[in-house]
Amino acid sequence: QHVVAYRDSLPYAWFCSRPRKIRAFSFGD
């Protein structure tokens, strides 16, 4: 199982299980 963890208004998120930062796009982006 792999997940993406994110939080309101952060410009990035974390792809897990081995954590790696990825971009979190807003619709405006």
PDB file of all heavy atoms in Angstrom:
ATOM      1  N   GLN A   1       0.831  -1.198   0.000  1.00  0.00           N
ATOM      2  CA  GLN A   1       0.000   0.000   0.000  1.00  0.00           C
ATOM      3  C   GLN A   1       0.866   1.249   0.000  1.00  0.00           C
ATOM      4  O   GLN A   1       1.789   1.369   0.799  1.00  0.00           O
ATOM      5  CB  GLN A   1      -0.906   0.031   1.237  1.00  0.00           C
ATOM      6  CG  GLN A   1      -1.815   1.243   1.307  1.00  0.00           C
ATOM      7  CD  GLN A   1      -2.864   1.254   0.210  1.00  0.00           C
ATOM      8  OE1 GLN A   1      -3.807   0.493   0.243  1.00  0.00           O
ATOM      9  NE2 GLN A   1      -2.701   2.123  -0.782  1.00  0.00           N
ATOM     10  N   HIS A   2       0.575   2.179  -0.890  1.00  0.00           N
ATOM     11  CA  HIS A   2       1.290   3.454  -0.952  1.00  0.00           C
ATOM     12  C   HIS A   2       0.260   4.583  -0.861  1.00  0.00           C
ATOM     13  O   HIS A   2      -0.863   4.457  -1.354  1.00  0.00           O
ATOM     14  CB  HIS A   2       2.112   3.566  -2.228  1.00  0.00           C
ATOM     15  CG  HIS A   2       3.211   2.549  -2.296  1.00  0.00           C
ATOM     16  ND1 HIS A   2       4.417   2.716  -1.656  1.00  0.00           N
ATOM     17  CD2 HIS A   2       3.260   1.343  -2.904  1.00  0.00           C
ATOM     18  CE1 HIS A   2       5.180   1.657  -1.870  1.00  0.00           C
ATOM     19  NE2 HIS A   2       4.509   0.811  -2.629  1.00  0.00           N
ATOM     20  N   VAL A   3       0.666   5.666  -0.233  1.00  0.00           N
ATOM     21  CA  VAL A   3      -0.249   6.774   0.022  1.00  0.00           C
ATOM     22  C   VAL A   3       0.449   8.095  -0.274  1.00  0.00           C
ATOM     23  O   VAL A   3       1.678   8.165  -0.372  1.00  0.00           O
ATOM     24  CB  VAL A   3      -0.745   6.775   1.490  1.00  0.00           C
ATOM     25  CG1 VAL A   3      -1.429   5.458   1.837  1.00  0.00           C
ATOM     26  CG2 VAL A   3       0.394   7.065   2.465  1.00  0.00           C
ATOM     27  N   VAL A   4      -0.373   9.134  -0.403  1.00  0.00           N
ATOM     28  CA  VAL A   4       0.116  10.506  -0.471  1.00  0.00           C
ATOM     29  C   VAL A   4      -0.476  11.239   0.727  1.00  0.00           C
ATOM     30  O   VAL A   4      -1.693  11.263   0.913  1.00  0.00           O
ATOM     31  CB  VAL A   4      -0.288  11.193  -1.785  1.00  0.00           C
ATOM     32  CG1 VAL A   4       0.125  12.670  -1.760  1.00  0.00           C
ATOM     33  CG2 VAL A   4       0.345  10.485  -2.976  1.00  0.00           C
ATOM     34  N   ALA A   5       0.401  11.808   1.547  1.00  0.00           N
ATOM     35  CA  ALA A   5      -0.028  12.538   2.737  1.00  0.00           C
ATOM     36  C   ALA A   5       0.122  14.030   2.473  1.00  0.00           C
ATOM     37  O   ALA A   5       1.177  14.485   2.010  1.00  0.00           O
ATOM     38  CB  ALA A   5       0.811  12.125   3.948  1.00  0.00           C
ATOM     39  N   TYR A   6      -0.932  14.797   2.775  1.00  0.00           N
ATOM     40  CA  TYR A   6      -0.898  16.227   2.497  1.00  0.00           C
ATOM     41  C   TYR A   6      -1.703  16.986   3.535  1.00  0.00           C
ATOM     42  O   TYR A   6      -2.511  16.411   4.279  1.00  0.00           O
ATOM     43  CB  TYR A   6      -1.422  16.516   1.089  1.00  0.00           C
ATOM     44  CG  TYR A   6      -2.879  16.168   0.865  1.00  0.00           C
ATOM     45  CD1 TYR A   6      -3.881  17.135   0.950  1.00  0.00           C
ATOM     46  CD2 TYR A   6      -3.266  14.865   0.535  1.00  0.00           C
ATOM     47  CE1 TYR A   6      -5.215  16.825   0.731  1.00  0.00           C
ATOM     48  CE2 TYR A   6      -4.603  14.547   0.318  1.00  0.00           C
ATOM     49  CZ  TYR A   6      -5.565  15.528   0.423  1.00  0.00           C
ATOM     50  OH  TYR A   6      -6.881  15.214   0.207  1.00  0.00           O
ATOM     51  N   ARG A   7      -1.504  18.275   3.556  1.00  0.00           N
ATOM     52  CA  ARG A   7      -2.189  19.129   4.524  1.00  0.00           C
ATOM     53  C   ARG A   7      -2.646  20.409   3.832  1.00  0.00           C
ATOM     54  O   ARG A   7      -2.047  20.837   2.832  1.00  0.00           O
ATOM     55  CB  ARG A   7      -1.244  19.467   5.689  1.00  0.00           C
ATOM     56  CG  ARG A   7      -1.969  19.980   6.926  1.00  0.00           C
ATOM     57  CD  ARG A   7      -1.036  19.952   8.138  1.00  0.00           C
ATOM     58  NE  ARG A   7      -1.774  20.258   9.361  1.00  0.00           N
ATOM     59  CZ  ARG A   7      -1.943  21.492   9.824  1.00  0.00           C
ATOM     60  NH1 ARG A   7      -1.424  22.525   9.197  1.00  0.00           N
ATOM     61  NH2 ARG A   7      -2.631  21.697  10.938  1.00  0.00           N
ATOM     62  N   ASP A   8      -3.690  21.033   4.345  1.00  0.00           N
ATOM     63  CA  ASP A   8      -4.221  22.259   3.740  1.00  0.00           C
ATOM     64  C   ASP A   8      -3.107  23.268   3.490  1.00  0.00           C
ATOM     65  O   ASP A   8      -2.291  23.545   4.378  1.00  0.00           O
ATOM     66  CB  ASP A   8      -5.239  22.932   4.678  1.00  0.00           C
ATOM     67  CG  ASP A   8      -6.431  22.040   4.961  1.00  0.00           C
ATOM     68  OD1 ASP A   8      -6.315  20.829   4.741  1.00  0.00           O
ATOM     69  OD2 ASP A   8      -7.455  22.567   5.403  1.00  0.00           O
ATOM     70  N   SER A   9      -3.113  23.814   2.269  1.00  0.00           N
ATOM     71  CA  SER A   9      -2.290  24.975   1.904  1.00  0.00           C
ATOM     72  C   SER A   9      -0.798  24.687   1.795  1.00  0.00           C
ATOM     73  O   SER A   9      -0.027  25.597   1.477  1.00  0.00           O
ATOM     74  CB  SER A   9      -2.503  26.139   2.892  1.00  0.00           C
ATOM     75  OG  SER A   9      -3.876  26.480   2.954  1.00  0.00           O
ATOM     76  N   LEU A  10      -0.343  23.469   2.041  1.00  0.00           N
ATOM     77  CA  LEU A  10       1.072  23.169   1.828  1.00  0.00           C
ATOM     78  C   LEU A  10       1.335  23.049   0.327  1.00  0.00           C
ATOM     79  O   LEU A  10       0.560  22.410  -0.388  1.00  0.00           O
ATOM     80  CB  LEU A  10       1.461  21.850   2.493  1.00  0.00           C
ATOM     81  CG  LEU A  10       1.805  21.853   3.984  1.00  0.00           C
ATOM     82  CD1 LEU A  10       2.203  20.440   4.424  1.00  0.00           C
ATOM     83  CD2 LEU A  10       2.916  22.833   4.296  1.00  0.00           C
ATOM     84  N   PRO A  11       2.430  23.614  -0.181  1.00  0.00           N
ATOM     85  CA  PRO A  11       2.723  23.506  -1.614  1.00  0.00           C
ATOM     86  C   PRO A  11       3.355  22.169  -1.992  1.00  0.00           C
ATOM     87  O   PRO A  11       3.723  21.956  -3.140  1.00  0.00           O
ATOM     88  CB  PRO A  11       3.709  24.653  -1.845  1.00  0.00           C
ATOM     89  CG  PRO A  11       4.408  24.812  -0.532  1.00  0.00           C
ATOM     90  CD  PRO A  11       3.381  24.497   0.519  1.00  0.00           C
ATOM     91  N   TYR A  12       3.499  21.286  -1.038  1.00  0.00           N
ATOM     92  CA  TYR A  12       4.075  19.966  -1.303  1.00  0.00           C
ATOM     93  C   TYR A  12       3.322  18.931  -0.471  1.00  0.00           C
ATOM     94  O   TYR A  12       2.549  19.247   0.438  1.00  0.00           O
ATOM     95  CB  TYR A  12       5.567  19.934  -0.966  1.00  0.00           C
ATOM     96  CG  TYR A  12       5.877  20.275   0.478  1.00  0.00           C
ATOM     97  CD1 TYR A  12       5.858  19.297   1.469  1.00  0.00           C
ATOM     98  CD2 TYR A  12       6.180  21.582   0.850  1.00  0.00           C
ATOM     99  CE1 TYR A  12       6.129  19.620   2.797  1.00  0.00           C
ATOM    100  CE2 TYR A  12       6.450  21.906   2.168  1.00  0.00           C
ATOM    101  CZ  TYR A  12       6.426  20.915   3.136  1.00  0.00           C
ATOM    102  OH  TYR A  12       6.685  21.223   4.441  1.00  0.00           O
ATOM    103  N   ALA A  13       3.551  17.660  -0.823  1.00  0.00           N
ATOM    104  CA  ALA A  13       2.977  16.539  -0.079  1.00  0.00           C
ATOM    105  C   ALA A  13       4.068  15.488   0.038  1.00  0.00           C
ATOM    106  O   ALA A  13       5.191  15.670  -0.446  1.00  0.00           O
ATOM    107  CB  ALA A  13       1.747  15.999  -0.801  1.00  0.00           C
ATOM    108  N   TRP A  14       3.719  14.363   0.672  1.00  0.00           N
ATOM    109  CA  TRP A  14       4.685  13.283   0.851  1.00  0.00           C
ATOM    110  C   TRP A  14       4.126  11.986   0.272  1.00  0.00           C
ATOM    111  O   TRP A  14       3.039  11.556   0.638  1.00  0.00           O
ATOM    112  CB  TRP A  14       5.009  13.089   2.323  1.00  0.00           C
ATOM    113  CG  TRP A  14       5.793  14.229   2.908  1.00  0.00           C
ATOM    114  CD1 TRP A  14       5.298  15.319   3.566  1.00  0.00           C
ATOM    115  CD2 TRP A  14       7.208  14.389   2.867  1.00  0.00           C
ATOM    116  NE1 TRP A  14       6.314  16.157   3.943  1.00  0.00           N
ATOM    117  CE2 TRP A  14       7.503  15.609   3.526  1.00  0.00           C
ATOM    118  CE3 TRP A  14       8.264  13.631   2.351  1.00  0.00           C
ATOM    119  CZ2 TRP A  14       8.801  16.080   3.682  1.00  0.00           C
ATOM    120  CZ3 TRP A  14       9.561  14.099   2.503  1.00  0.00           C
ATOM    121  CH2 TRP A  14       9.814  15.310   3.158  1.00  0.00           C
ATOM    122  N   PHE A  15       4.892  11.399  -0.660  1.00  0.00           N
ATOM    123  CA  PHE A  15       4.572  10.080  -1.168  1.00  0.00           C
ATOM    124  C   PHE A  15       5.223   9.056  -0.259  1.00  0.00           C
ATOM    125  O   PHE A  15       6.431   9.111  -0.001  1.00  0.00           O
ATOM    126  CB  PHE A  15       5.070   9.931  -2.607  1.00  0.00           C
ATOM    127  CG  PHE A  15       4.980   8.524  -3.136  1.00  0.00           C
ATOM    128  CD1 PHE A  15       3.752   7.906  -3.266  1.00  0.00           C
ATOM    129  CD2 PHE A  15       6.119   7.821  -3.500  1.00  0.00           C
ATOM    130  CE1 PHE A  15       3.652   6.607  -3.746  1.00  0.00           C
ATOM    131  CE2 PHE A  15       6.037   6.531  -3.985  1.00  0.00           C
ATOM    132  CZ  PHE A  15       4.806   5.923  -4.108  1.00  0.00           C
ATOM    133  N   CYS A  16       4.441   8.125   0.268  1.00  0.00           N
ATOM    134  CA  CYS A  16       4.945   7.125   1.207  1.00  0.00           C
ATOM    135  C   CYS A  16       4.541   5.742   0.678  1.00  0.00           C
ATOM    136  O   CYS A  16       3.576   5.621  -0.067  1.00  0.00           O
ATOM    137  CB  CYS A  16       4.333   7.340   2.595  1.00  0.00           C
ATOM    138  SG  CYS A  16       4.615   9.009   3.257  1.00  0.00           S
ATOM    139  N   SER A  17       5.330   4.658   0.951  1.00  0.00           N
ATOM    140  CA  SER A  17       5.854   4.360   2.260  1.00  0.00           C
ATOM    141  C   SER A  17       7.285   4.852   2.509  1.00  0.00           C
ATOM    142  O   SER A  17       7.620   5.194   3.648  1.00  0.00           O
ATOM    143  CB  SER A  17       5.793   2.843   2.473  1.00  0.00           C
ATOM    144  OG  SER A  17       6.446   2.172   1.407  1.00  0.00           O
ATOM    145  N   ARG A  18       8.154   4.854   1.541  1.00  0.00           N
ATOM    146  CA  ARG A  18       9.449   5.501   1.724  1.00  0.00           C
ATOM    147  C   ARG A  18       9.261   6.968   1.382  1.00  0.00           C
ATOM    148  O   ARG A  18       9.131   7.323   0.199  1.00  0.00           O
ATOM    149  CB  ARG A  18      10.504   4.868   0.817  1.00  0.00           C
ATOM    150  CG  ARG A  18      10.832   3.427   1.166  1.00  0.00           C
ATOM    151  CD  ARG A  18      11.942   2.893   0.293  1.00  0.00           C
ATOM    152  NE  ARG A  18      12.254   1.512   0.622  1.00  0.00           N
ATOM    153  CZ  ARG A  18      13.176   0.790  -0.017  1.00  0.00           C
ATOM    154  NH1 ARG A  18      13.845   1.330  -1.047  1.00  0.00           N
ATOM    155  NH2 ARG A  18      13.402  -0.457   0.344  1.00  0.00           N
ATOM    156  N   PRO A  19       9.229   7.834   2.368  1.00  0.00           N
ATOM    157  CA  PRO A  19       8.793   9.216   2.129  1.00  0.00           C
ATOM    158  C   PRO A  19       9.627   9.950   1.087  1.00  0.00           C
ATOM    159  O   PRO A  19      10.856   9.902   1.096  1.00  0.00           O
ATOM    160  CB  PRO A  19       8.929   9.853   3.513  1.00  0.00           C
ATOM    161  CG  PRO A  19       8.821   8.716   4.474  1.00  0.00           C
ATOM    162  CD  PRO A  19       9.488   7.566   3.790  1.00  0.00           C
ATOM    163  N   ARG A  20       8.907  10.611   0.186  1.00  0.00           N
ATOM    164  CA  ARG A  20       9.528  11.446  -0.839  1.00  0.00           C
ATOM    165  C   ARG A  20       8.602  12.620  -1.109  1.00  0.00           C
ATOM    166  O   ARG A  20       7.396  12.440  -1.290  1.00  0.00           O
ATOM    167  CB  ARG A  20       9.776  10.636  -2.111  1.00  0.00           C
ATOM    168  CG  ARG A  20      10.332  11.444  -3.277  1.00  0.00           C
ATOM    169  CD  ARG A  20      10.821  10.534  -4.390  1.00  0.00           C
ATOM    170  NE  ARG A  20       9.816   9.579  -4.823  1.00  0.00           N
ATOM    171  CZ  ARG A  20       8.857   9.844  -5.715  1.00  0.00           C
ATOM    172  NH1 ARG A  20       8.767  11.075  -6.238  1.00  0.00           N
ATOM    173  NH2 ARG A  20       7.997   8.915  -6.071  1.00  0.00           N
ATOM    174  N   LYS A  21       9.175  13.818  -1.132  1.00  0.00           N
ATOM    175  CA  LYS A  21       8.373  15.020  -1.308  1.00  0.00           C
ATOM    176  C   LYS A  21       7.948  15.150  -2.772  1.00  0.00           C
ATOM    177  O   LYS A  21       8.742  14.942  -3.694  1.00  0.00           O
ATOM    178  CB  LYS A  21       9.171  16.252  -0.874  1.00  0.00           C
ATOM    179  CG  LYS A  21       8.360  17.525  -0.780  1.00  0.00           C
ATOM    180  CD  LYS A  21       9.230  18.715  -0.353  1.00  0.00           C
ATOM    181  CE  LYS A  21       9.628  18.635   1.102  1.00  0.00           C
ATOM    182  NZ  LYS A  21      10.301  19.879   1.555  1.00  0.00           N
ATOM    183  N   ILE A  22       6.667  15.512  -2.989  1.00  0.00           N
ATOM    184  CA  ILE A  22       6.148  15.774  -4.322  1.00  0.00           C
ATOM    185  C   ILE A  22       5.370  17.087  -4.284  1.00  0.00           C
ATOM    186  O   ILE A  22       4.988  17.562  -3.216  1.00  0.00           O
ATOM    187  CB  ILE A  22       5.239  14.638  -4.830  1.00  0.00           C
ATOM    188  CG1 ILE A  22       4.018  14.470  -3.911  1.00  0.00           C
ATOM    189  CG2 ILE A  22       6.014  13.334  -4.969  1.00  0.00           C
ATOM    190  CD1 ILE A  22       2.996  13.482  -4.437  1.00  0.00           C
ATOM    191  N   ARG A  23       5.121  17.658  -5.453  1.00  0.00           N
ATOM    192  CA  ARG A  23       4.386  18.923  -5.507  1.00  0.00           C
ATOM    193  C   ARG A  23       2.895  18.699  -5.304  1.00  0.00           C
ATOM    194  O   ARG A  23       2.331  17.709  -5.760  1.00  0.00           O
ATOM    195  CB  ARG A  23       4.623  19.616  -6.845  1.00  0.00           C
ATOM    196  CG  ARG A  23       5.984  20.254  -6.992  1.00  0.00           C
ATOM    197  CD  ARG A  23       6.165  20.873  -8.364  1.00  0.00           C
ATOM    198  NE  ARG A  23       6.225  19.860  -9.409  1.00  0.00           N
ATOM    199  CZ  ARG A  23       6.363  20.123 -10.704  1.00  0.00           C
ATOM    200  NH1 ARG A  23       6.432  21.398 -11.107  1.00  0.00           N
ATOM    201  NH2 ARG A  23       6.420  19.144 -11.584  1.00  0.00           N
ATOM    202  N   ALA A  24       2.297  19.625  -4.606  1.00  0.00           N
ATOM    203  CA  ALA A  24       0.838  19.658  -4.440  1.00  0.00           C
ATOM    204  C   ALA A  24       0.341  20.865  -5.230  1.00  0.00           C
ATOM    205  O   ALA A  24       0.616  22.019  -4.876  1.00  0.00           O
ATOM    206  CB  ALA A  24       0.465  19.777  -2.971  1.00  0.00           C
ATOM    207  N   PHE A  25      -0.399  20.613  -6.306  1.00  0.00           N
ATOM    208  CA  PHE A  25      -0.855  21.679  -7.185  1.00  0.00           C
ATOM    209  C   PHE A  25      -2.240  22.168  -6.753  1.00  0.00           C
ATOM    210  O   PHE A  25      -3.124  21.357  -6.458  1.00  0.00           O
ATOM    211  CB  PHE A  25      -0.953  21.193  -8.631  1.00  0.00           C
ATOM    212  CG  PHE A  25       0.349  20.780  -9.237  1.00  0.00           C
ATOM    213  CD1 PHE A  25       0.747  19.456  -9.211  1.00  0.00           C
ATOM    214  CD2 PHE A  25       1.171  21.720  -9.840  1.00  0.00           C
ATOM    215  CE1 PHE A  25       1.954  19.064  -9.778  1.00  0.00           C
ATOM    216  CE2 PHE A  25       2.383  21.338 -10.409  1.00  0.00           C
ATOM    217  CZ  PHE A  25       2.777  20.003 -10.373  1.00  0.00           C
ATOM    218  N   SER A  26      -2.411  23.473  -6.741  1.00  0.00           N
ATOM    219  CA  SER A  26      -3.762  24.014  -6.658  1.00  0.00           C
ATOM    220  C   SER A  26      -4.326  24.056  -8.066  1.00  0.00           C
ATOM    221  O   SER A  26      -3.593  23.925  -9.061  1.00  0.00           O
ATOM    222  CB  SER A  26      -3.741  25.430  -6.078  1.00  0.00           C
ATOM    223  OG  SER A  26      -3.136  26.336  -7.008  1.00  0.00           O
ATOM    224  N   PHE A  27      -5.650  24.247  -8.179  1.00  0.00           N
ATOM    225  CA  PHE A  27      -6.221  24.316  -9.511  1.00  0.00           C
ATOM    226  C   PHE A  27      -5.651  25.503 -10.289  1.00  0.00           C
ATOM    227  O   PHE A  27      -5.426  25.410 -11.494  1.00  0.00           O
ATOM    228  CB  PHE A  27      -7.748  24.393  -9.476  1.00  0.00           C
ATOM    229  CG  PHE A  27      -8.342  24.271 -10.835  1.00  0.00           C
ATOM    230  CD1 PHE A  27      -8.454  23.044 -11.451  1.00  0.00           C
ATOM    231  CD2 PHE A  27      -8.742  25.394 -11.536  1.00  0.00           C
ATOM    232  CE1 PHE A  27      -8.965  22.931 -12.733  1.00  0.00           C
ATOM    233  CE2 PHE A  27      -9.262  25.288 -12.812  1.00  0.00           C
ATOM    234  CZ  PHE A  27      -9.371  24.052 -13.407  1.00  0.00           C
ATOM    235  N   GLY A  28      -5.395  26.598  -9.594  1.00  0.00           N
ATOM    236  CA  GLY A  28      -4.811  27.755 -10.267  1.00  0.00           C
ATOM    237  C   GLY A  28      -3.459  27.459 -10.883  1.00  0.00           C
ATOM    238  O   GLY A  28      -3.080  28.057 -11.897  1.00  0.00           O
ATOM    239  N   ASP A  29      -2.716  26.504 -10.294  1.00  0.00           N
ATOM    240  CA  ASP A  29      -1.395  26.152 -10.824  1.00  0.00           C
ATOM    241  C   ASP A  29      -1.471  25.520 -12.206  1.00  0.00           C
ATOM    242  O   ASP A  29      -0.497  25.591 -12.972  1.00  0.00           O
ATOM    243  CB  ASP A  29      -0.682  25.179  -9.876  1.00  0.00           C
ATOM    244  CG  ASP A  29      -0.325  25.792  -8.535  1.00  0.00           C
ATOM    245  OD1 ASP A  29      -0.105  27.023  -8.485  1.00  0.00           O
ATOM    246  OD2 ASP A  29      -0.246  25.045  -7.542  1.00  0.00           O
TER     247      ASP A  29
END
